[in-house]
N, C-alpha and C. Protein backbone atom coordinates (compact mmCIF):
# COMPACT_ATOMS: atom_id res chain seq x y z
N UNK A 1 30.73 116.40 21.07
CA UNK A 1 32.02 116.61 21.42
C UNK A 1 32.95 116.51 20.32
N UNK A 2 32.67 115.54 19.62
CA UNK A 2 33.73 115.06 18.53
C UNK A 2 33.60 115.96 17.40
N UNK A 3 32.29 116.50 17.24
CA UNK A 3 32.06 117.41 16.12
C UNK A 3 32.83 118.83 16.36
N UNK A 4 32.90 119.26 17.65
CA UNK A 4 33.62 120.34 18.02
C UNK A 4 35.01 120.40 17.87
N UNK A 5 35.61 119.04 18.09
CA UNK A 5 37.04 118.80 17.78
C UNK A 5 37.32 118.89 16.22
N UNK A 6 36.40 118.15 15.57
CA UNK A 6 36.66 118.26 14.15
C UNK A 6 36.67 119.78 13.47
N UNK A 7 35.58 120.48 13.92
CA UNK A 7 35.58 121.81 13.56
C UNK A 7 36.73 122.74 13.76
N UNK A 8 37.45 122.63 15.02
CA UNK A 8 38.66 123.24 15.46
C UNK A 8 39.79 122.83 14.56
N UNK A 9 39.87 121.47 14.37
CA UNK A 9 40.91 120.90 13.48
C UNK A 9 40.94 121.63 11.96
N UNK A 10 39.79 121.50 11.61
CA UNK A 10 39.37 122.05 10.22
C UNK A 10 39.69 123.63 10.12
N UNK A 11 39.33 124.25 11.12
CA UNK A 11 39.65 125.76 11.36
C UNK A 11 41.14 126.07 11.38
N UNK A 12 41.93 125.21 12.20
CA UNK A 12 43.25 125.43 12.19
C UNK A 12 44.10 125.03 10.93
N UNK A 13 43.57 123.93 10.46
CA UNK A 13 44.18 123.62 9.07
C UNK A 13 43.99 124.59 7.99
N UNK A 14 42.77 125.42 8.16
CA UNK A 14 42.72 126.31 7.02
C UNK A 14 43.29 127.55 7.21
N UNK A 15 43.53 127.98 8.57
CA UNK A 15 44.41 129.07 9.01
C UNK A 15 45.92 128.79 8.66
N UNK A 16 46.24 127.63 8.74
CA UNK A 16 47.71 127.21 8.57
C UNK A 16 48.08 127.49 7.05
N UNK A 17 46.94 127.02 6.24
CA UNK A 17 47.16 127.05 4.84
C UNK A 17 46.99 128.50 4.40
N UNK A 18 46.38 129.29 4.91
CA UNK A 18 46.17 130.68 4.52
C UNK A 18 47.43 131.44 4.89
N UNK A 19 47.99 131.15 6.13
CA UNK A 19 49.21 132.05 6.44
C UNK A 19 50.51 131.36 6.19
N UNK A 20 50.62 130.22 5.44
CA UNK A 20 51.70 129.60 5.36
C UNK A 20 52.85 130.48 4.60
N UNK A 21 52.15 131.07 3.58
CA UNK A 21 53.09 131.95 2.55
C UNK A 21 53.61 133.16 3.46
N UNK A 22 53.19 133.70 4.18
CA UNK A 22 53.78 134.66 5.12
C UNK A 22 54.83 134.17 6.00
N UNK A 23 54.86 132.83 6.57
CA UNK A 23 55.70 132.36 7.38
C UNK A 23 56.95 132.01 6.25
N UNK A 24 56.84 131.60 5.27
CA UNK A 24 58.07 131.30 4.43
C UNK A 24 58.67 132.58 3.97
N UNK A 25 57.93 133.56 3.83
CA UNK A 25 58.48 134.79 3.36
C UNK A 25 59.42 135.54 4.51
N UNK A 26 58.95 135.27 5.77
CA UNK A 26 59.68 135.90 6.94
C UNK A 26 61.18 135.09 7.03
N UNK A 27 61.02 133.90 6.76
CA UNK A 27 62.25 132.91 6.94
C UNK A 27 63.44 133.50 5.95
N UNK A 28 62.84 133.78 4.50
CA UNK A 28 63.73 134.47 3.47
C UNK A 28 64.31 135.63 3.84
N UNK A 29 63.48 136.62 4.52
CA UNK A 29 63.84 137.86 4.93
C UNK A 29 64.97 137.84 5.98
N UNK A 30 64.46 137.13 7.01
CA UNK A 30 65.46 136.88 8.08
C UNK A 30 66.86 136.54 7.56
N UNK A 31 66.93 135.36 6.67
CA UNK A 31 68.25 134.91 6.35
C UNK A 31 68.92 135.95 5.46
N UNK A 32 68.16 136.70 4.49
CA UNK A 32 68.91 137.74 3.68
C UNK A 32 69.46 138.95 4.78
N UNK A 33 68.70 139.18 5.94
CA UNK A 33 69.31 140.28 6.64
C UNK A 33 70.58 139.87 7.34
N UNK A 34 70.52 138.59 8.02
CA UNK A 34 71.78 138.06 8.61
C UNK A 34 72.82 137.85 7.74
N UNK A 35 72.72 137.38 6.52
CA UNK A 35 73.83 137.40 5.45
C UNK A 35 74.36 138.56 5.10
N UNK A 36 73.41 139.66 5.07
CA UNK A 36 73.96 140.97 4.78
C UNK A 36 74.73 141.41 5.94
N UNK A 37 74.13 141.27 7.23
CA UNK A 37 75.12 141.68 8.35
C UNK A 37 76.20 141.07 8.50
N UNK A 38 76.40 139.69 8.37
CA UNK A 38 77.48 138.93 8.39
C UNK A 38 78.70 139.41 7.41
N UNK A 39 78.20 139.70 6.07
CA UNK A 39 79.13 139.89 4.92
C UNK A 39 79.75 141.28 5.38
N UNK A 40 78.92 142.24 6.14
CA UNK A 40 79.44 143.72 6.36
C UNK A 40 80.38 143.69 7.66
N UNK A 41 80.50 142.46 8.19
CA UNK A 41 81.26 142.43 9.30
C UNK A 41 80.57 142.56 10.70
N UNK A 42 79.34 142.65 10.63
CA UNK A 42 78.47 142.72 11.98
C UNK A 42 78.49 141.35 12.55
N UNK A 43 78.22 141.23 13.97
CA UNK A 43 78.01 140.00 14.50
C UNK A 43 76.82 139.69 15.01
N UNK A 44 75.81 140.37 14.63
CA UNK A 44 74.49 140.06 15.17
C UNK A 44 74.00 138.66 14.84
N UNK A 45 74.35 138.17 13.62
CA UNK A 45 73.95 137.00 13.12
C UNK A 45 74.60 135.85 13.70
N UNK A 46 75.65 135.83 14.48
CA UNK A 46 76.47 134.86 14.88
C UNK A 46 75.57 133.96 15.92
N UNK A 47 74.55 134.49 16.59
CA UNK A 47 73.96 133.71 17.55
C UNK A 47 72.51 133.11 16.98
N UNK A 48 72.55 133.33 15.69
CA UNK A 48 71.13 132.92 15.22
C UNK A 48 70.96 131.39 15.14
N UNK A 49 72.09 130.67 14.75
CA UNK A 49 72.02 129.08 14.92
C UNK A 49 71.59 128.54 16.29
N UNK A 50 72.36 129.23 17.10
CA UNK A 50 71.89 128.86 18.73
C UNK A 50 70.47 129.27 18.91
N UNK A 51 69.92 130.28 18.34
CA UNK A 51 68.55 130.57 18.72
C UNK A 51 67.43 129.78 17.90
N UNK A 52 68.04 129.34 16.64
CA UNK A 52 67.09 128.30 15.84
C UNK A 52 67.16 127.02 16.51
N UNK A 53 68.41 126.51 17.04
CA UNK A 53 68.27 125.27 17.77
C UNK A 53 67.46 125.30 19.05
N UNK A 54 67.61 126.28 19.85
CA UNK A 54 66.92 126.58 20.97
C UNK A 54 65.31 126.46 20.68
N UNK A 55 64.75 127.18 19.68
CA UNK A 55 63.50 127.29 19.32
C UNK A 55 62.88 125.84 18.74
N UNK A 56 64.00 124.99 18.11
CA UNK A 56 63.66 123.73 17.59
C UNK A 56 63.52 122.85 18.76
N UNK A 57 64.18 122.91 19.89
CA UNK A 57 64.36 122.00 20.93
C UNK A 57 63.15 122.02 21.67
N UNK A 58 62.47 123.14 21.77
CA UNK A 58 61.24 123.21 22.75
C UNK A 58 60.07 122.22 22.37
N UNK A 59 59.61 122.12 21.08
CA UNK A 59 58.55 121.37 20.85
C UNK A 59 58.89 119.80 21.21
N UNK A 60 60.14 119.36 20.87
CA UNK A 60 60.61 118.04 21.12
C UNK A 60 60.64 117.77 22.63
N UNK A 61 60.91 118.66 23.53
CA UNK A 61 61.12 118.60 24.95
C UNK A 61 59.37 118.61 25.30
N UNK A 62 58.71 119.19 24.77
CA UNK A 62 57.24 119.19 25.27
C UNK A 62 56.52 117.95 24.72
N UNK A 63 56.76 117.53 23.68
CA UNK A 63 56.49 116.15 23.18
C UNK A 63 56.79 115.06 24.12
N UNK A 64 58.07 115.04 24.43
CA UNK A 64 58.74 114.19 25.29
C UNK A 64 57.94 114.07 26.65
N UNK A 65 57.76 115.34 27.25
CA UNK A 65 57.23 115.46 28.65
C UNK A 65 55.83 114.93 28.49
N UNK A 66 55.14 115.30 27.52
CA UNK A 66 53.78 114.91 27.28
C UNK A 66 53.66 113.08 27.16
N UNK A 67 54.60 112.80 26.42
CA UNK A 67 54.61 111.17 26.24
C UNK A 67 54.95 110.53 27.66
N UNK A 68 55.93 111.19 28.37
CA UNK A 68 56.22 110.65 29.70
C UNK A 68 55.04 110.65 30.62
N UNK A 69 54.46 111.63 30.64
CA UNK A 69 53.22 111.67 31.50
C UNK A 69 52.07 110.82 31.06
N UNK A 70 51.98 110.74 29.89
CA UNK A 70 50.89 109.77 29.44
C UNK A 70 51.23 108.46 29.86
N UNK A 71 52.55 108.07 29.56
CA UNK A 71 52.94 106.62 29.72
C UNK A 71 52.98 106.37 31.42
N UNK A 72 53.27 107.32 32.20
CA UNK A 72 53.18 106.95 33.67
C UNK A 72 51.66 106.82 34.12
N UNK A 73 50.83 107.81 33.60
CA UNK A 73 49.54 107.71 33.83
C UNK A 73 48.67 106.39 33.48
N UNK A 74 48.98 105.94 32.24
CA UNK A 74 48.66 104.73 31.79
C UNK A 74 48.95 103.62 32.40
N UNK A 75 50.33 103.71 32.99
CA UNK A 75 50.92 102.51 33.72
C UNK A 75 50.15 102.40 35.10
N UNK A 76 49.87 103.71 35.61
CA UNK A 76 49.18 103.66 36.88
C UNK A 76 47.72 103.16 36.80
N UNK A 77 47.13 103.43 35.78
CA UNK A 77 45.75 103.14 35.53
C UNK A 77 45.77 101.49 35.55
N UNK A 78 46.68 101.11 34.72
CA UNK A 78 46.65 99.49 34.47
C UNK A 78 46.95 98.80 35.69
N UNK A 79 47.97 99.26 36.55
CA UNK A 79 48.28 98.80 37.85
C UNK A 79 47.16 98.70 38.72
N UNK A 80 46.25 99.65 38.76
CA UNK A 80 45.05 99.66 39.57
C UNK A 80 44.11 98.73 39.10
N UNK A 81 43.75 98.44 37.91
CA UNK A 81 43.04 97.63 37.27
C UNK A 81 43.34 96.20 37.75
N UNK A 82 44.52 95.79 37.94
CA UNK A 82 45.04 94.47 38.11
C UNK A 82 44.73 94.23 39.64
């Protein structure tokens, strides 16, 4: 079982390294389009910061939720053991 987890981790790490350049390229393109739109008077990029904050908050919320469930489950197990 441990070998399978190690293989999956190595595969994910390899894929992240291979496709990392494409991810950074998209960020530069998005920034350039938004700056161009804002300079020309368009308002499409006005909500971009809110979207970025929304997307950034989701992983933190999920980590907090996982941590809370882990803590509560661990506490329940230790109370049963006593």
